[in-house]
Amino acid sequence: MCHNLEMKHLPGADPELVLLSHRYEELERIPLSDMTREEINQLVQELGFYRKETPNAPVPEEFQFAPARPLSTLPPHQAPTTDSKTLPERDEGEHPDL
């Protein structure tokens, strides 16, 4: 279990990792359909998420707000090999379900 990482299952939706700012503004969407569990675990680690030993384990102070860092410092990810779908436009301030 990772600190500051929430999993939501949306039936019928392709799996993707949605990175949000501290203000819940969407920074980036990373498709996960073509990745293995090991590749997803490595991606999450590279992004700076802290992996807890147990669900109730304490999180060190330096990781309390992890992986809070500017988008420009995020590692590049591989583009999906399948046709990507264009996401619908949203009104300012509207926050979609994750």
PDB file of N, CA and C in Angstrom:
ATOM      1  N   MET A   1       0.844  -1.175   0.000  1.00  0.00           N
ATOM      2  CA  MET A   1       0.000   0.000   0.000  1.00  0.00           C
ATOM      3  C   MET A   1       0.891   1.241   0.000  1.00  0.00           C
ATOM      4  N   CYS A   2       0.582   2.175  -0.876  1.00  0.00           N
ATOM      5  CA  CYS A   2       1.360   3.405  -0.973  1.00  0.00           C
ATOM      6  C   CYS A   2       0.635   4.558  -0.298  1.00  0.00           C
ATOM      7  N   HIS A   3       1.423   5.421   0.322  1.00  0.00           N
ATOM      8  CA  HIS A   3       0.912   6.620   0.962  1.00  0.00           C
ATOM      9  C   HIS A   3       0.547   7.634  -0.128  1.00  0.00           C
ATOM     10  N   ASN A   4      -0.585   8.319   0.021  1.00  0.00           N
ATOM     11  CA  ASN A   4      -1.070   9.339  -0.919  1.00  0.00           C
ATOM     12  C   ASN A   4      -1.404   8.768  -2.294  1.00  0.00           C
ATOM     13  N   LEU A   5      -1.780   7.496  -2.324  1.00  0.00           N
ATOM     14  CA  LEU A   5      -2.187   6.860  -3.576  1.00  0.00           C
ATOM     15  C   LEU A   5      -3.508   6.160  -3.326  1.00  0.00           C
ATOM     16  N   GLU A   6      -4.496   6.490  -4.144  1.00  0.00           N
ATOM     17  CA  GLU A   6      -5.830   5.931  -3.966  1.00  0.00           C
ATOM     18  C   GLU A   6      -6.228   5.196  -5.233  1.00  0.00           C
ATOM     19  N   MET A   7      -6.756   3.990  -5.070  1.00  0.00           N
ATOM     20  CA  MET A   7      -7.207   3.183  -6.206  1.00  0.00           C
ATOM     21  C   MET A   7      -8.721   3.239  -6.280  1.00  0.00           C
ATOM     22  N   LYS A   8      -9.229   3.587  -7.463  1.00  0.00           N
ATOM     23  CA  LYS A   8     -10.673   3.583  -7.687  1.00  0.00           C
ATOM     24  C   LYS A   8     -10.942   2.731  -8.917  1.00  0.00           C
ATOM     25  N   HIS A   9     -11.828   1.760  -8.777  1.00  0.00           N
ATOM     26  CA  HIS A   9     -12.201   0.912  -9.901  1.00  0.00           C
ATOM     27  C   HIS A   9     -13.447   1.483 -10.555  1.00  0.00           C
ATOM     28  N   LEU A  10     -13.344   1.788 -11.847  1.00  0.00           N
ATOM     29  CA  LEU A  10     -14.475   2.297 -12.611  1.00  0.00           C
ATOM     30  C   LEU A  10     -14.812   1.262 -13.676  1.00  0.00           C
ATOM     31  N   PRO A  11     -15.911   0.526 -13.497  1.00  0.00           N
ATOM     32  CA  PRO A  11     -16.265  -0.518 -14.454  1.00  0.00           C
ATOM     33  C   PRO A  11     -16.323   0.023 -15.888  1.00  0.00           C
ATOM     34  N   GLY A  12     -15.667  -0.694 -16.801  1.00  0.00           N
ATOM     35  CA  GLY A  12     -15.684  -0.315 -18.208  1.00  0.00           C
ATOM     36  C   GLY A  12     -14.639   0.715 -18.602  1.00  0.00           C
ATOM     37  N   ALA A  13     -13.955   1.309 -17.645  1.00  0.00           N
ATOM     38  CA  ALA A  13     -12.943   2.325 -17.945  1.00  0.00           C
ATOM     39  C   ALA A  13     -11.565   1.683 -18.047  1.00  0.00           C
ATOM     40  N   ASP A  14     -10.737   2.174 -18.975  1.00  0.00           N
ATOM     41  CA  ASP A  14      -9.364   1.707 -19.062  1.00  0.00           C
ATOM     42  C   ASP A  14      -8.606   2.210 -17.843  1.00  0.00           C
ATOM     43  N   PRO A  15      -7.754   1.362 -17.250  1.00  0.00           N
ATOM     44  CA  PRO A  15      -7.012   1.803 -16.053  1.00  0.00           C
ATOM     45  C   PRO A  15      -5.975   2.863 -16.412  1.00  0.00           C
ATOM     46  N   GLU A  16      -5.903   3.876 -15.565  1.00  0.00           N
ATOM     47  CA  GLU A  16      -4.904   4.913 -15.746  1.00  0.00           C
ATOM     48  C   GLU A  16      -4.554   5.512 -14.392  1.00  0.00           C
ATOM     49  N   LEU A  17      -3.332   6.018 -14.316  1.00  0.00           N
ATOM     50  CA  LEU A  17      -2.872   6.711 -13.119  1.00  0.00           C
ATOM     51  C   LEU A  17      -3.077   8.192 -13.371  1.00  0.00           C
ATOM     52  N   VAL A  18      -3.843   8.855 -12.505  1.00  0.00           N
ATOM     53  CA  VAL A  18      -4.116  10.279 -12.650  1.00  0.00           C
ATOM     54  C   VAL A  18      -3.328  11.004 -11.571  1.00  0.00           C
ATOM     55  N   LEU A  19      -2.396  11.840 -11.986  1.00  0.00           N
ATOM     56  CA  LEU A  19      -1.581  12.611 -11.046  1.00  0.00           C
ATOM     57  C   LEU A  19      -2.243  13.957 -10.817  1.00  0.00           C
ATOM     58  N   LEU A  20      -2.441  14.291  -9.540  1.00  0.00           N
ATOM     59  CA  LEU A  20      -3.109  15.537  -9.162  1.00  0.00           C
ATOM     60  C   LEU A  20      -2.163  16.428  -8.365  1.00  0.00           C
ATOM     61  N   SER A  21      -2.384  17.717  -8.458  1.00  0.00           N
ATOM     62  CA  SER A  21      -1.631  18.671  -7.642  1.00  0.00           C
ATOM     63  C   SER A  21      -2.214  18.677  -6.234  1.00  0.00           C
ATOM     64  N   HIS A  22      -1.586  19.404  -5.334  1.00  0.00           N
ATOM     65  CA  HIS A  22      -2.110  19.512  -3.969  1.00  0.00           C
ATOM     66  C   HIS A  22      -3.469  20.196  -3.946  1.00  0.00           C
ATOM     67  N   ARG A  23      -3.835  20.871  -5.039  1.00  0.00           N
ATOM     68  CA  ARG A  23      -5.151  21.524  -5.164  1.00  0.00           C
ATOM     69  C   ARG A  23      -6.134  20.643  -5.944  1.00  0.00           C
ATOM     70  N   TYR A  24      -5.767  19.390  -6.154  1.00  0.00           N
ATOM     71  CA  TYR A  24      -6.577  18.424  -6.907  1.00  0.00           C
ATOM     72  C   TYR A  24      -6.760  18.823  -8.369  1.00  0.00           C
ATOM     73  N   GLU A  25      -5.787  19.558  -8.915  1.00  0.00           N
ATOM     74  CA  GLU A  25      -5.790  19.880 -10.332  1.00  0.00           C
ATOM     75  C   GLU A  25      -5.071  18.749 -11.056  1.00  0.00           C
ATOM     76  N   GLU A  26      -5.646  18.296 -12.157  1.00  0.00           N
ATOM     77  CA  GLU A  26      -5.047  17.197 -12.904  1.00  0.00           C
ATOM     78  C   GLU A  26      -3.748  17.651 -13.556  1.00  0.00           C
ATOM     79  N   LEU A  27      -2.676  16.892 -13.316  1.00  0.00           N
ATOM     80  CA  LEU A  27      -1.384  17.200 -13.906  1.00  0.00           C
ATOM     81  C   LEU A  27      -1.102  16.320 -15.115  1.00  0.00           C
ATOM     82  N   GLU A  28      -1.432  15.045 -14.991  1.00  0.00           N
ATOM     83  CA  GLU A  28      -1.109  14.104 -16.058  1.00  0.00           C
ATOM     84  C   GLU A  28      -1.918  12.827 -15.880  1.00  0.00           C
ATOM     85  N   ARG A  29      -2.212  12.155 -17.002  1.00  0.00           N
ATOM     86  CA  ARG A  29      -2.850  10.832 -16.995  1.00  0.00           C
ATOM     87  C   ARG A  29      -1.893   9.856 -17.659  1.00  0.00           C
ATOM     88  N   ILE A  30      -1.628   8.752 -16.989  1.00  0.00           N
ATOM     89  CA  ILE A  30      -0.722   7.740 -17.512  1.00  0.00           C
ATOM     90  C   ILE A  30      -1.508   6.453 -17.716  1.00  0.00           C
ATOM     91  N   PRO A  31      -1.669   5.995 -18.969  1.00  0.00           N
ATOM     92  CA  PRO A  31      -2.396   4.750 -19.229  1.00  0.00           C
ATOM     93  C   PRO A  31      -1.657   3.555 -18.629  1.00  0.00           C
ATOM     94  N   LEU A  32      -2.399   2.638 -18.030  1.00  0.00           N
ATOM     95  CA  LEU A  32      -1.793   1.474 -17.378  1.00  0.00           C
ATOM     96  C   LEU A  32      -2.166   0.151 -18.054  1.00  0.00           C
ATOM     97  N   SER A  33      -3.028   0.182 -19.058  1.00  0.00           N
ATOM     98  CA  SER A  33      -3.540  -1.041 -19.688  1.00  0.00           C
ATOM     99  C   SER A  33      -2.450  -1.987 -20.166  1.00  0.00           C
ATOM    100  N   ASP A  34      -1.400  -1.449 -20.753  1.00  0.00           N
ATOM    101  CA  ASP A  34      -0.355  -2.283 -21.348  1.00  0.00           C
ATOM    102  C   ASP A  34       0.807  -2.553 -20.407  1.00  0.00           C
ATOM    103  N   MET A  35       0.651  -2.221 -19.123  1.00  0.00           N
ATOM    104  CA  MET A  35       1.737  -2.412 -18.159  1.00  0.00           C
ATOM    105  C   MET A  35       1.457  -3.606 -17.261  1.00  0.00           C
ATOM    106  N   THR A  36       2.527  -4.297 -16.863  1.00  0.00           N
ATOM    107  CA  THR A  36       2.399  -5.385 -15.906  1.00  0.00           C
ATOM    108  C   THR A  36       2.346  -4.801 -14.504  1.00  0.00           C
ATOM    109  N   ARG A  37       1.978  -5.639 -13.543  1.00  0.00           N
ATOM    110  CA  ARG A  37       1.953  -5.185 -12.144  1.00  0.00           C
ATOM    111  C   ARG A  37       3.335  -4.696 -11.714  1.00  0.00           C
ATOM    112  N   GLU A  38       4.374  -5.416 -12.123  1.00  0.00           N
ATOM    113  CA  GLU A  38       5.741  -5.030 -11.763  1.00  0.00           C
ATOM    114  C   GLU A  38       6.102  -3.665 -12.356  1.00  0.00           C
ATOM    115  N   GLU A  39       5.702  -3.426 -13.612  1.00  0.00           N
ATOM    116  CA  GLU A  39       5.980  -2.138 -14.256  1.00  0.00           C
ATOM    117  C   GLU A  39       5.225  -1.002 -13.559  1.00  0.00           C
ATOM    118  N   ILE A  40       3.994  -1.259 -13.161  1.00  0.00           N
ATOM    119  CA  ILE A  40       3.212  -0.239 -12.440  1.00  0.00           C
ATOM    120  C   ILE A  40       3.847   0.048 -11.088  1.00  0.00           C
ATOM    121  N   ASN A  41       4.268  -1.002 -10.376  1.00  0.00           N
ATOM    122  CA  ASN A  41       4.937  -0.801  -9.084  1.00  0.00           C
ATOM    123  C   ASN A  41       6.207   0.021  -9.241  1.00  0.00           C
ATOM    124  N   GLN A  42       6.977  -0.260 -10.299  1.00  0.00           N
ATOM    125  CA  GLN A  42       8.205   0.501 -10.527  1.00  0.00           C
ATOM    126  C   GLN A  42       7.889   1.956 -10.873  1.00  0.00           C
ATOM    127  N   LEU A  43       6.865   2.180 -11.699  1.00  0.00           N
ATOM    128  CA  LEU A  43       6.458   3.543 -12.051  1.00  0.00           C
ATOM    129  C   LEU A  43       6.086   4.338 -10.807  1.00  0.00           C
ATOM    130  N   VAL A  44       5.278   3.740  -9.948  1.00  0.00           N
ATOM    131  CA  VAL A  44       4.838   4.419  -8.725  1.00  0.00           C
ATOM    132  C   VAL A  44       6.050   4.761  -7.852  1.00  0.00           C
ATOM    133  N   GLN A  45       7.000   3.846  -7.780  1.00  0.00           N
ATOM    134  CA  GLN A  45       8.215   4.109  -6.997  1.00  0.00           C
ATOM    135  C   GLN A  45       9.024   5.239  -7.640  1.00  0.00           C
ATOM    136  N   GLU A  46       9.165   5.224  -8.972  1.00  0.00           N
ATOM    137  CA  GLU A  46       9.916   6.275  -9.668  1.00  0.00           C
ATOM    138  C   GLU A  46       9.263   7.641  -9.513  1.00  0.00           C
ATOM    139  N   LEU A  47       7.941   7.655  -9.379  1.00  0.00           N
ATOM    140  CA  LEU A  47       7.228   8.918  -9.189  1.00  0.00           C
ATOM    141  C   LEU A  47       7.403   9.472  -7.777  1.00  0.00           C
ATOM    142  N   GLY A  48       7.925   8.662  -6.859  1.00  0.00           N
ATOM    143  CA  GLY A  48       8.213   9.141  -5.509  1.00  0.00           C
ATOM    144  C   GLY A  48       7.195   8.792  -4.453  1.00  0.00           C
ATOM    145  N   PHE A  49       6.259   7.884  -4.747  1.00  0.00           N
ATOM    146  CA  PHE A  49       5.302   7.461  -3.729  1.00  0.00           C
ATOM    147  C   PHE A  49       6.017   6.598  -2.697  1.00  0.00           C
ATOM    148  N   TYR A  50       5.603   6.713  -1.449  1.00  0.00           N
ATOM    149  CA  TYR A  50       6.195   5.946  -0.352  1.00  0.00           C
ATOM    150  C   TYR A  50       5.398   4.670  -0.145  1.00  0.00           C
ATOM    151  N   ARG A  51       6.075   3.527  -0.167  1.00  0.00           N
ATOM    152  CA  ARG A  51       5.417   2.240   0.045  1.00  0.00           C
ATOM    153  C   ARG A  51       5.495   1.866   1.514  1.00  0.00           C
ATOM    154  N   LYS A  52       4.324   1.738   2.139  1.00  0.00           N
ATOM    155  CA  LYS A  52       4.263   1.385   3.558  1.00  0.00           C
ATOM    156  C   LYS A  52       4.405  -0.129   3.721  1.00  0.00           C
ATOM    157  N   GLU A  53       5.029  -0.543   4.814  1.00  0.00           N
ATOM    158  CA  GLU A  53       5.208  -1.975   5.102  1.00  0.00           C
ATOM    159  C   GLU A  53       3.864  -2.637   5.395  1.00  0.00           C
ATOM    160  N   THR A  54       3.015  -1.942   6.134  1.00  0.00           N
ATOM    161  CA  THR A  54       1.678  -2.433   6.459  1.00  0.00           C
ATOM    162  C   THR A  54       0.716  -1.248   6.322  1.00  0.00           C
ATOM    163  N   PRO A  55      -0.579  -1.511   6.135  1.00  0.00           N
ATOM    164  CA  PRO A  55      -1.523  -0.393   5.968  1.00  0.00           C
ATOM    165  C   PRO A  55      -1.515   0.627   7.104  1.00  0.00           C
ATOM    166  N   ASN A  56      -1.227   0.198   8.335  1.00  0.00           N
ATOM    167  CA  ASN A  56      -1.242   1.118   9.479  1.00  0.00           C
ATOM    168  C   ASN A  56       0.141   1.621   9.873  1.00  0.00           C
ATOM    169  N   ALA A  57       1.153   1.296   9.080  1.00  0.00           N
ATOM    170  CA  ALA A  57       2.520   1.721   9.406  1.00  0.00           C
ATOM    171  C   ALA A  57       2.638   3.240   9.319  1.00  0.00           C
ATOM    172  N   PRO A  58       3.439   3.833  10.206  1.00  0.00           N
ATOM    173  CA  PRO A  58       3.636   5.291  10.138  1.00  0.00           C
ATOM    174  C   PRO A  58       4.425   5.676   8.885  1.00  0.00           C
ATOM    175  N   VAL A  59       4.186   6.875   8.408  1.00  0.00           N
ATOM    176  CA  VAL A  59       4.878   7.400   7.230  1.00  0.00           C
ATOM    177  C   VAL A  59       5.905   8.417   7.710  1.00  0.00           C
ATOM    178  N   PRO A  60       7.185   8.272   7.317  1.00  0.00           N
ATOM    179  CA  PRO A  60       8.196   9.250   7.726  1.00  0.00           C
ATOM    180  C   PRO A  60       7.801  10.664   7.310  1.00  0.00           C
ATOM    181  N   GLU A  61       8.196  11.626   8.117  1.00  0.00           N
ATOM    182  CA  GLU A  61       7.811  13.021   7.885  1.00  0.00           C
ATOM    183  C   GLU A  61       8.158  13.504   6.483  1.00  0.00           C
ATOM    184  N   GLU A  62       9.328  13.104   5.963  1.00  0.00           N
ATOM    185  CA  GLU A  62       9.745  13.586   4.643  1.00  0.00           C
ATOM    186  C   GLU A  62       8.867  13.049   3.500  1.00  0.00           C
ATOM    187  N   PHE A  63       8.039  12.046   3.792  1.00  0.00           N
ATOM    188  CA  PHE A  63       7.153  11.483   2.776  1.00  0.00           C
ATOM    189  C   PHE A  63       5.685  11.849   2.994  1.00  0.00           C
ATOM    190  N   GLN A  64       5.377  12.674   3.986  1.00  0.00           N
ATOM    191  CA  GLN A  64       3.995  13.006   4.281  1.00  0.00           C
ATOM    192  C   GLN A  64       3.263  13.598   3.075  1.00  0.00           C
ATOM    193  N   PHE A  65       3.943  14.407   2.278  1.00  0.00           N
ATOM    194  CA  PHE A  65       3.310  15.045   1.132  1.00  0.00           C
ATOM    195  C   PHE A  65       3.849  14.498  -0.186  1.00  0.00           C
ATOM    196  N   ALA A  66       4.563  13.387  -0.124  1.00  0.00           N
ATOM    197  CA  ALA A  66       5.122  12.772  -1.334  1.00  0.00           C
ATOM    198  C   ALA A  66       3.995  12.271  -2.205  1.00  0.00           C
ATOM    199  N   PRO A  67       4.151  12.306  -3.472  1.00  0.00           N
ATOM    200  CA  PRO A  67       5.319  12.701  -4.267  1.00  0.00           C
ATOM    201  C   PRO A  67       5.222  14.140  -4.747  1.00  0.00           C
ATOM    202  N   ALA A  68       4.871  15.052  -3.849  1.00  0.00           N
ATOM    203  CA  ALA A  68       4.678  16.454  -4.221  1.00  0.00           C
ATOM    204  C   ALA A  68       5.959  17.046  -4.792  1.00  0.00           C
ATOM    205  N   ARG A  69       5.998  17.153  -6.106  1.00  0.00           N
ATOM    206  CA  ARG A  69       7.120  17.781  -6.788  1.00  0.00           C
ATOM    207  C   ARG A  69       6.610  18.295  -8.124  1.00  0.00           C
ATOM    208  N   PRO A  70       7.300  19.238  -8.719  1.00  0.00           N
ATOM    209  CA  PRO A  70       6.828  19.818  -9.979  1.00  0.00           C
ATOM    210  C   PRO A  70       6.709  18.772 -11.080  1.00  0.00           C
ATOM    211  N   LEU A  71       5.740  18.957 -11.974  1.00  0.00           N
ATOM    212  CA  LEU A  71       5.513  18.024 -13.072  1.00  0.00           C
ATOM    213  C   LEU A  71       6.760  17.854 -13.925  1.00  0.00           C
ATOM    214  N   SER A  72       7.545  18.904 -14.082  1.00  0.00           N
ATOM    215  CA  SER A  72       8.733  18.833 -14.939  1.00  0.00           C
ATOM    216  C   SER A  72       9.766  17.843 -14.421  1.00  0.00           C
ATOM    217  N   THR A  73       9.681  17.437 -13.149  1.00  0.00           N
ATOM    218  CA  THR A  73      10.657  16.497 -12.605  1.00  0.00           C
ATOM    219  C   THR A  73      10.153  15.059 -12.637  1.00  0.00           C
ATOM    220  N   LEU A  74       8.930  14.839 -13.123  1.00  0.00           N
ATOM    221  CA  LEU A  74       8.407  13.483 -13.196  1.00  0.00           C
ATOM    222  C   LEU A  74       9.115  12.726 -14.308  1.00  0.00           C
ATOM    223  N   PRO A  75       9.400  11.434 -14.090  1.00  0.00           N
ATOM    224  CA  PRO A  75      10.082  10.666 -15.135  1.00  0.00           C
ATOM    225  C   PRO A  75       9.179  10.479 -16.345  1.00  0.00           C
ATOM    226  N   PRO A  76       9.769  10.415 -17.543  1.00  0.00           N
ATOM    227  CA  PRO A  76       8.941  10.198 -18.727  1.00  0.00           C
ATOM    228  C   PRO A  76       8.348   8.800 -18.696  1.00  0.00           C
ATOM    229  N   HIS A  77       7.178   8.652 -19.285  1.00  0.00           N
ATOM    230  CA  HIS A  77       6.558   7.337 -19.350  1.00  0.00           C
ATOM    231  C   HIS A  77       6.322   6.979 -20.802  1.00  0.00           C
ATOM    232  N   GLN A  78       6.133   5.692 -21.053  1.00  0.00           N
ATOM    233  CA  GLN A  78       5.950   5.214 -22.414  1.00  0.00           C
ATOM    234  C   GLN A  78       4.534   5.495 -22.882  1.00  0.00           C
ATOM    235  N   ALA A  79       4.403   5.971 -24.099  1.00  0.00           N
ATOM    236  CA  ALA A  79       3.083   6.222 -24.669  1.00  0.00           C
ATOM    237  C   ALA A  79       2.389   4.891 -24.933  1.00  0.00           C
ATOM    238  N   PRO A  80       1.058   4.860 -24.849  1.00  0.00           N
ATOM    239  CA  PRO A  80       0.343   3.610 -25.093  1.00  0.00           C
ATOM    240  C   PRO A  80       0.513   3.171 -26.540  1.00  0.00           C
ATOM    241  N   THR A  81       0.529   1.849 -26.750  1.00  0.00           N
ATOM    242  CA  THR A  81       0.711   1.323 -28.090  1.00  0.00           C
ATOM    243  C   THR A  81      -0.610   1.233 -28.841  1.00  0.00           C
ATOM    244  N   THR A  82      -1.721   1.308 -28.126  1.00  0.00           N
ATOM    245  CA  THR A  82      -3.025   1.254 -28.771  1.00  0.00           C
ATOM    246  C   THR A  82      -3.499   2.663 -29.061  1.00  0.00           C
ATOM    247  N   ASP A  83      -4.549   2.785 -29.854  1.00  0.00           N
ATOM    248  CA  ASP A  83      -5.106   4.108 -30.157  1.00  0.00           C
ATOM    249  C   ASP A  83      -5.549   4.776 -28.876  1.00  0.00           C
ATOM    250  N   SER A  84      -5.101   5.999 -28.639  1.00  0.00           N
ATOM    251  CA  SER A  84      -5.520   6.713 -27.430  1.00  0.00           C
ATOM    252  C   SER A  84      -6.789   7.488 -27.736  1.00  0.00           C
ATOM    253  N   LYS A  85      -7.612   7.630 -26.727  1.00  0.00           N
ATOM    254  CA  LYS A  85      -8.869   8.354 -26.875  1.00  0.00           C
ATOM    255  C   LYS A  85      -8.690   9.762 -26.345  1.00  0.00           C
ATOM    256  N   THR A  86      -9.284  10.710 -27.007  1.00  0.00           N
ATOM    257  CA  THR A  86      -9.226  12.089 -26.549  1.00  0.00           C
ATOM    258  C   THR A  86     -10.202  12.265 -25.398  1.00  0.00           C
ATOM    259  N   LEU A  87      -9.733  12.878 -24.334  1.00  0.00           N
ATOM    260  CA  LEU A  87     -10.577  13.105 -23.176  1.00  0.00           C
ATOM    261  C   LEU A  87     -11.489  14.293 -23.426  1.00  0.00           C
ATOM    262  N   PRO A  88     -12.720  14.225 -22.920  1.00  0.00           N
ATOM    263  CA  PRO A  88     -13.644  15.352 -23.125  1.00  0.00           C
ATOM    264  C   PRO A  88     -13.178  16.593 -22.381  1.00  0.00           C
ATOM    265  N   GLU A  89     -13.496  17.750 -22.933  1.00  0.00           N
ATOM    266  CA  GLU A  89     -13.182  19.015 -22.286  1.00  0.00           C
ATOM    267  C   GLU A  89     -14.027  19.165 -21.029  1.00  0.00           C
ATOM    268  N   ARG A  90     -13.484  19.828 -20.016  1.00  0.00           N
ATOM    269  CA  ARG A  90     -14.226  20.061 -18.783  1.00  0.00           C
ATOM    270  C   ARG A  90     -14.256  21.552 -18.499  1.00  0.00           C
ATOM    271  N   ASP A  91     -15.301  21.970 -17.780  1.00  0.00           N
ATOM    272  CA  ASP A  91     -15.384  23.354 -17.324  1.00  0.00           C
ATOM    273  C   ASP A  91     -14.342  23.582 -16.255  1.00  0.00           C
ATOM    274  N   GLU A  92     -13.863  24.823 -16.124  1.00  0.00           N
ATOM    275  CA  GLU A  92     -12.916  25.171 -15.061  1.00  0.00           C
ATOM    276  C   GLU A  92     -13.498  24.805 -13.701  1.00  0.00           C
ATOM    277  N   GLY A  93     -12.691  24.198 -12.863  1.00  0.00           N
ATOM    278  CA  GLY A  93     -13.125  23.869 -11.502  1.00  0.00           C
ATOM    279  C   GLY A  93     -13.852  22.554 -11.407  1.00  0.00           C
ATOM    280  N   GLU A  94     -14.280  21.976 -12.511  1.00  0.00           N
ATOM    281  CA  GLU A  94     -14.972  20.701 -12.469  1.00  0.00           C
ATOM    282  C   GLU A  94     -13.958  19.607 -12.238  1.00  0.00           C
ATOM    283  N   HIS A  95     -14.224  18.714 -11.302  1.00  0.00           N
ATOM    284  CA  HIS A  95     -13.300  17.631 -10.984  1.00  0.00           C
ATOM    285  C   HIS A  95     -13.961  16.299 -11.291  1.00  0.00           C
ATOM    286  N   PRO A  96     -13.450  15.532 -12.284  1.00  0.00           N
ATOM    287  CA  PRO A  96     -14.081  14.263 -12.641  1.00  0.00           C
ATOM    288  C   PRO A  96     -13.797  13.207 -11.593  1.00  0.00           C
ATOM    289  N   ASP A  97     -14.593  12.145 -11.613  1.00  0.00           N
ATOM    290  CA  ASP A  97     -14.300  11.006 -10.764  1.00  0.00           C
ATOM    291  C   ASP A  97     -12.993  10.408 -11.222  1.00  0.00           C
ATOM    292  N   LEU A  98     -12.221   9.901 -10.285  1.00  0.00           N
ATOM    293  CA  LEU A  98     -10.931   9.292 -10.635  1.00  0.00           C
ATOM    294  C   LEU A  98     -11.112   7.828 -10.847  1.00  0.00           C
TER     295      LEU A  98
END
